[in-house]
């Protein structure tokens, strides 16, 4: 079986990708510092502890396993944290990724899949986001991902190297088998925070703004089940194995749900009271962030299978109750 290096493989999306890789016949080699990942989430291949900034340790692992490809998830993901600590995001997300990319090229790894984000677009000027919209990030998190997309593009121009940068929308839900799920500390994602409220761990869920230009006044987002996201990475790998050209591809469902719709659905799924509290808007929150997934369907043959909002919340709630 082919070895695939999965940086950040002990994290939320990385661990689900490891499971999907194993199911598809690959051996995922999890490379994770465990600073924010979880050892219990590494179940489908070996764990090699290390930081992507540690060139020596990275070289050791690459020499030992000689992976065919890299899936790179090892990045910090909080917009709020990136605004408070931009140097942290520059060091980890940018400098660490550059070390990894250089090491991949040095070890003749020709296929690279990058965990990017729709945040590279900042505040888009249209509801449905296509890959060719202008790159205008408005926070250090989005800037860090945009910078590495550029580094990958330049690397591919100069080397026998191809990549797929997958721009995520709102990853949500948990493994349908209940083996792994979302566990961020602190948690910043909407659905886990809603479920914390349903479970009595929080007094209320905050709604940041009810005066947006949307049907019910709350922000609309595109939620994609983490299993569908993981499968998108496997299909991106298979695409690259066909000696294909580098691509930037959205992974989203093409359908948006408002904050209020998510809360209402969670009430139905959990049967619990979920109190709300309206807060002032957060700076930089667009009214709509919804993907065009035409390129994912056409180029990768990808189609979301589990991203009905009820399935997302049901699997997240089931995981939530086991923790």
Protein backbone atom coordinates (compact mmCIF):
# COMPACT_ATOMS: atom_id res chain seq x y z
CA UNK A 1 0.00 0.00 0.00
CA UNK A 2 1.17 3.53 -0.75
CA UNK A 3 2.25 5.67 2.18
CA UNK A 4 0.72 9.14 2.39
CA UNK A 5 2.14 11.70 4.82
CA UNK A 6 -0.74 13.44 6.59
CA UNK A 7 0.41 16.49 8.53
CA UNK A 8 -2.05 17.42 11.23
CA UNK A 9 -3.49 13.93 10.98
CA UNK A 10 -4.48 13.94 14.67
CA UNK A 11 -6.77 16.93 14.15
CA UNK A 12 -10.44 17.12 13.23
CA UNK A 13 -10.31 17.02 9.43
CA UNK A 14 -6.93 15.29 9.23
CA UNK A 15 -8.08 12.29 11.28
CA UNK A 16 -11.17 11.85 9.11
CA UNK A 17 -8.93 12.02 6.03
CA UNK A 18 -6.68 9.32 7.53
CA UNK A 19 -9.70 7.04 7.92
CA UNK A 20 -10.80 7.74 4.34
CA UNK A 21 -7.29 7.03 3.04
CA UNK A 22 -7.10 3.70 4.88
CA UNK A 23 -10.50 2.72 3.53
CA UNK A 24 -9.26 3.54 0.02
CA UNK A 25 -6.21 1.27 0.41
CA UNK A 26 -3.52 3.78 1.42
CA UNK A 27 -1.43 3.91 4.60
CA UNK A 28 -1.74 7.31 6.27
CA UNK A 29 1.39 8.37 8.14
CA UNK A 30 0.19 10.88 10.71
CA UNK A 31 2.72 13.63 11.39
CA UNK A 32 1.44 15.82 14.21
CA UNK A 33 2.93 17.83 17.06
CA UNK A 34 -0.12 16.98 19.22
CA UNK A 35 -0.17 20.63 20.27
CA UNK A 36 -3.79 20.82 19.11
CA UNK A 37 -4.35 17.31 17.79
CA UNK A 38 -5.35 14.25 19.80
CA UNK A 39 -3.49 10.96 20.05
CA UNK A 40 -6.81 9.10 20.41
CA UNK A 41 -7.76 10.25 16.89
CA UNK A 42 -4.85 8.37 15.27
CA UNK A 43 -6.24 4.93 14.48
CA UNK A 44 -5.47 4.05 10.85
CA UNK A 45 -1.70 4.29 10.61
CA UNK A 46 1.41 5.19 12.59
CA UNK A 47 1.78 8.42 14.54
CA UNK A 48 5.05 10.28 14.16
CA UNK A 49 5.20 13.23 16.53
CA UNK A 50 6.86 16.34 15.18
CA UNK A 51 6.39 19.94 14.13
CA UNK A 52 6.39 20.99 10.48
CA UNK A 53 8.91 23.70 11.42
CA UNK A 54 11.34 20.98 12.58
CA UNK A 55 13.17 20.24 9.34
CA UNK A 56 15.38 17.55 10.88
CA UNK A 57 12.46 15.59 12.32
CA UNK A 58 10.50 15.97 9.11
CA UNK A 59 13.45 14.64 7.09
CA UNK A 60 13.67 11.60 9.39
CA UNK A 61 10.03 10.71 8.82
CA UNK A 62 10.20 11.25 5.06
CA UNK A 63 13.28 9.04 4.80
CA UNK A 64 11.69 6.32 6.93
CA UNK A 65 8.34 6.08 5.12
CA UNK A 66 9.10 7.47 1.64
CA UNK A 67 5.53 8.69 1.09
CA UNK A 68 4.06 8.99 -2.39
CA UNK A 69 2.17 12.18 -1.53
CA UNK A 70 1.53 14.75 1.19
CA UNK A 71 -1.81 15.89 2.61
CA UNK A 72 -1.18 19.04 4.60
CA UNK A 73 -3.65 19.87 7.40
CA UNK A 74 -1.17 21.16 10.01
CA UNK A 75 -2.37 24.74 10.34
CA UNK A 76 -3.97 26.98 12.90
CA UNK A 77 -7.57 27.74 11.94
CA UNK A 78 -9.04 30.49 14.13
CA UNK A 79 -9.73 33.83 12.47
CA UNK A 80 -10.08 35.51 15.86
CA UNK A 81 -6.79 34.09 17.13
CA UNK A 82 -5.01 35.09 13.93
CA UNK A 83 -6.06 38.72 14.44
CA UNK A 84 -4.76 38.66 18.02
CA UNK A 85 -1.54 36.77 17.19
CA UNK A 86 -0.64 37.30 13.51
CA UNK A 87 3.01 36.33 14.04
CA UNK A 88 1.90 32.91 15.31
CA UNK A 89 0.00 32.31 12.06
CA UNK A 90 2.86 33.60 9.95
CA UNK A 91 5.28 31.22 11.67
CA UNK A 92 3.15 28.07 11.70
CA UNK A 93 0.87 28.38 8.68
CA UNK A 94 3.34 30.11 6.36
CA UNK A 95 6.89 29.33 7.46
CA UNK A 96 6.02 25.78 8.55
CA UNK A 97 4.27 25.08 5.25
CA UNK A 98 7.29 26.35 3.31
CA UNK A 99 9.57 23.97 5.24
CA UNK A 100 7.21 21.11 4.41
CA UNK A 101 6.93 21.98 0.72
CA UNK A 102 10.71 22.28 0.38
CA UNK A 103 11.16 18.91 2.09
CA UNK A 104 8.59 17.30 -0.20
CA UNK A 105 10.38 18.55 -3.30
CA UNK A 106 13.77 17.45 -1.92
CA UNK A 107 12.37 13.92 -1.40
CA UNK A 108 10.91 13.76 -4.90
CA UNK A 109 7.31 13.83 -3.71
CA UNK A 110 5.31 14.93 -6.73
CA UNK A 111 1.79 15.14 -5.29
CA UNK A 112 0.65 17.60 -2.64
CA UNK A 113 -2.85 18.29 -1.31
CA UNK A 114 -3.30 21.49 0.67
CA UNK A 115 -5.98 22.36 3.20
CA UNK A 116 -7.02 25.86 2.15
CA UNK A 117 -10.11 27.96 2.82
CA UNK A 118 -12.77 30.17 1.29
CA UNK A 119 -11.41 32.88 3.64
CA UNK A 120 -8.84 33.70 0.94
CA UNK A 121 -11.65 35.67 -0.77
CA UNK A 122 -12.34 37.94 2.21
CA UNK A 123 -15.78 39.49 1.68
CA UNK A 124 -16.87 38.30 -1.78
CA UNK A 125 -18.99 40.51 -4.02
CA UNK A 126 -21.40 37.69 -4.89
CA UNK A 127 -23.34 35.04 -2.97
CA UNK A 128 -22.05 31.94 -4.78
CA UNK A 129 -18.28 31.75 -4.59
CA UNK A 130 -16.32 30.42 -7.54
CA UNK A 131 -12.61 29.64 -7.49
CA UNK A 132 -11.74 32.51 -9.83
CA UNK A 133 -13.04 35.31 -7.60
CA UNK A 134 -10.39 37.83 -6.46
CA UNK A 135 -8.09 36.82 -3.61
CA UNK A 136 -8.63 39.50 -0.95
CA UNK A 137 -8.19 38.02 2.54
CA UNK A 138 -9.13 40.32 5.41
CA UNK A 139 -7.40 38.52 8.31
CA UNK A 140 -4.04 36.83 8.95
CA UNK A 141 -5.62 33.35 8.77
CA UNK A 142 -6.91 33.93 5.23
CA UNK A 143 -3.66 35.66 4.29
CA UNK A 144 -1.63 32.65 5.45
CA UNK A 145 -3.61 30.25 3.27
CA UNK A 146 -3.47 32.57 0.24
CA UNK A 147 0.30 32.90 0.61
CA UNK A 148 0.82 29.14 0.59
CA UNK A 149 -1.42 28.74 -2.46
CA UNK A 150 1.02 31.12 -4.18
CA UNK A 151 4.04 29.18 -2.93
CA UNK A 152 2.54 25.95 -4.27
CA UNK A 153 1.85 27.55 -7.63
CA UNK A 154 5.44 28.80 -7.91
CA UNK A 155 6.83 25.44 -6.76
CA UNK A 156 4.82 23.59 -9.40
CA UNK A 157 6.12 25.92 -12.12
CA UNK A 158 9.75 25.10 -11.30
CA UNK A 159 9.57 21.41 -10.35
CA UNK A 160 8.06 18.06 -11.28
CA UNK A 161 5.34 18.71 -8.73
CA UNK A 162 1.57 19.10 -8.82
CA UNK A 163 -0.91 20.12 -6.14
CA UNK A 164 -4.57 20.50 -5.36
CA UNK A 165 -5.51 23.32 -3.00
CA UNK A 166 -8.91 22.48 -1.53
CA UNK A 167 -10.79 25.53 -0.31
CA UNK A 168 -13.13 24.44 2.45
CA UNK A 169 -16.34 26.02 3.46
CA UNK A 170 -17.78 25.12 6.91
CA UNK A 171 -16.59 21.66 7.92
CA UNK A 172 -19.07 20.11 10.34
CA UNK A 173 -20.46 16.85 11.68
CA UNK A 174 -18.63 13.78 12.90
CA UNK A 175 -17.60 10.38 11.62
CA UNK A 176 -20.74 8.42 10.81
CA UNK A 177 -19.33 5.37 12.62
CA UNK A 178 -18.80 7.44 15.77
CA UNK A 179 -15.06 6.72 15.98
CA UNK A 180 -13.81 10.32 15.80
CA UNK A 181 -15.25 13.81 15.81
CA UNK A 182 -14.70 17.48 16.47
CA UNK A 183 -12.74 18.42 19.62
CA UNK A 184 -11.24 21.90 19.53
CA UNK A 185 -9.97 23.70 22.64
CA UNK A 186 -11.30 26.32 22.82
CA UNK A 187 -14.20 25.58 20.50
CA UNK A 188 -15.11 28.31 18.03
CA UNK A 189 -17.35 26.54 15.48
CA UNK A 190 -21.07 27.19 15.47
CA UNK A 191 -22.53 23.67 15.57
CA UNK A 192 -20.43 22.36 18.50
CA UNK A 193 -21.22 25.56 20.41
CA UNK A 194 -24.93 25.06 19.76
CA UNK A 195 -24.66 21.45 20.95
CA UNK A 196 -22.78 22.58 24.07
CA UNK A 197 -25.79 24.78 24.77
CA UNK A 198 -28.18 21.88 24.18
CA UNK A 199 -26.11 19.76 26.58
CA UNK A 200 -26.28 22.42 29.29
CA UNK A 201 -22.59 23.32 29.11
CA UNK A 202 -23.42 26.86 27.97
CA UNK A 203 -26.24 29.16 29.02
CA UNK A 204 -26.95 30.35 25.48
CA UNK A 205 -25.70 30.44 21.91
CA UNK A 206 -24.66 33.87 20.69
CA UNK A 207 -26.03 35.14 17.38
CA UNK A 208 -23.74 37.83 16.02
CA UNK A 209 -26.05 40.12 14.11
CA UNK A 210 -29.64 39.73 12.95
CA UNK A 211 -29.68 42.56 10.38
CA UNK A 212 -27.79 40.96 7.50
CA UNK A 213 -29.22 40.97 3.98
CA UNK A 214 -30.48 37.39 4.28
CA UNK A 215 -34.02 35.95 4.60
CA UNK A 216 -33.96 35.88 8.42
CA UNK A 217 -31.25 38.48 9.04
CA UNK A 218 -28.55 36.04 10.21
CA UNK A 219 -25.43 34.98 8.31
CA UNK A 220 -25.73 32.16 5.77
CA UNK A 221 -22.99 29.56 5.45
CA UNK A 222 -22.31 26.40 3.43
CA UNK A 223 -21.90 23.41 5.80
CA UNK A 224 -20.10 20.33 4.50
CA UNK A 225 -19.96 17.02 6.37
CA UNK A 226 -16.44 16.13 7.41
CA UNK A 227 -16.77 12.67 5.80
CA UNK A 228 -17.53 14.31 2.46
CA UNK A 229 -14.58 16.63 2.97
CA UNK A 230 -12.29 13.67 3.69
CA UNK A 231 -13.51 11.83 0.61
CA UNK A 232 -12.73 14.95 -1.44
CA UNK A 233 -9.09 14.62 -0.38
CA UNK A 234 -8.94 11.00 -1.48
CA UNK A 235 -10.41 11.93 -4.85
CA UNK A 236 -7.93 14.80 -5.16
CA UNK A 237 -5.10 12.31 -4.55
CA UNK A 238 -6.42 9.97 -7.22
CA UNK A 239 -6.73 12.91 -9.58
CA UNK A 240 -3.06 13.81 -9.05
CA UNK A 241 -2.01 10.19 -9.49
CA UNK A 242 -3.24 10.50 -13.06
CA UNK A 243 -0.42 13.00 -13.75
CA UNK A 244 -2.96 15.79 -13.84
CA UNK A 245 -2.47 19.55 -13.69
CA UNK A 246 -2.50 21.49 -10.44
CA UNK A 247 -5.89 22.79 -9.36
CA UNK A 248 -7.62 25.04 -6.86
CA UNK A 249 -10.99 23.54 -5.97
CA UNK A 250 -13.84 24.48 -3.64
CA UNK A 251 -15.31 21.84 -1.37
CA UNK A 252 -18.81 22.87 -0.36
CA UNK A 253 -22.39 21.79 -1.00
CA UNK A 254 -23.62 24.77 -2.98
CA UNK A 255 -26.40 25.34 -0.45
CA UNK A 256 -26.43 27.72 2.51
CA UNK A 257 -28.14 27.70 5.90
CA UNK A 258 -28.58 30.65 8.23
CA UNK A 259 -27.52 30.67 11.87
CA UNK A 260 -31.16 30.59 12.93
CA UNK A 261 -31.88 27.62 10.64
CA UNK A 262 -28.97 25.69 12.18
CA UNK A 263 -30.21 26.42 15.70
CA UNK A 264 -33.77 25.37 14.81
CA UNK A 265 -32.52 22.13 13.25
CA UNK A 266 -30.42 21.41 16.35
CA UNK A 267 -33.52 21.86 18.53
CA UNK A 268 -35.35 19.25 16.45
CA UNK A 269 -32.45 16.77 16.45
CA UNK A 270 -31.61 17.06 20.14
CA UNK A 271 -35.06 17.72 21.57
CA UNK A 272 -33.38 20.21 23.90
CA UNK A 273 -33.97 23.84 24.77
CA UNK A 274 -31.35 26.04 23.14
CA UNK A 275 -31.37 29.61 24.39
CA UNK A 276 -30.21 32.39 22.09
CA UNK A 277 -28.61 35.74 22.78
CA UNK A 278 -28.28 38.37 20.06
CA UNK A 279 -24.92 40.12 20.03
CA UNK A 280 -23.54 42.87 17.82
CA UNK A 281 -22.07 41.97 14.46
CA UNK A 282 -18.49 40.74 14.24
CA UNK A 283 -16.20 42.71 11.94
CA UNK A 284 -15.64 41.05 8.58
CA UNK A 285 -18.55 38.58 8.64
CA UNK A 286 -20.03 38.37 5.11
CA UNK A 287 -23.78 37.86 4.75
CA UNK A 288 -23.31 34.80 2.52
CA UNK A 289 -20.50 32.28 2.05
CA UNK A 290 -21.75 29.55 -0.26
CA UNK A 291 -19.63 27.47 -2.62
CA UNK A 292 -19.88 26.77 -6.27
CA UNK A 293 -18.82 23.12 -6.36
CA UNK A 294 -19.00 22.68 -10.12
CA UNK A 295 -15.22 22.27 -10.43
CA UNK A 296 -15.10 19.61 -7.71
CA UNK A 297 -17.80 17.65 -9.50
CA UNK A 298 -16.25 18.05 -12.95
CA UNK A 299 -12.54 17.67 -12.14
CA UNK A 300 -12.62 15.26 -9.20
CA UNK A 301 -15.91 13.49 -9.80
CA UNK A 302 -16.79 14.49 -6.24
CA UNK A 303 -20.33 14.66 -4.95
CA UNK A 304 -21.33 15.29 -1.30
CA UNK A 305 -23.10 12.24 0.11
CA UNK A 306 -23.61 13.04 3.80
CA UNK A 307 -24.02 16.83 3.91
CA UNK A 308 -27.73 17.11 4.55
CA UNK A 309 -27.91 19.50 7.49
CA UNK A 310 -29.89 16.98 9.54
CA UNK A 311 -27.17 14.35 9.03
CA UNK A 312 -24.46 16.83 9.97
CA UNK A 313 -26.13 17.78 13.23
CA UNK A 314 -27.25 14.23 14.08
CA UNK A 315 -23.72 12.82 13.72
CA UNK A 316 -22.24 15.77 15.63
CA UNK A 317 -24.78 15.30 18.45
CA UNK A 318 -24.11 11.58 18.67
CA UNK A 319 -20.36 12.27 18.96
CA UNK A 320 -20.99 15.11 21.41
CA UNK A 321 -22.87 12.79 23.75
CA UNK A 322 -20.01 10.26 23.88
CA UNK A 323 -17.44 12.81 25.08
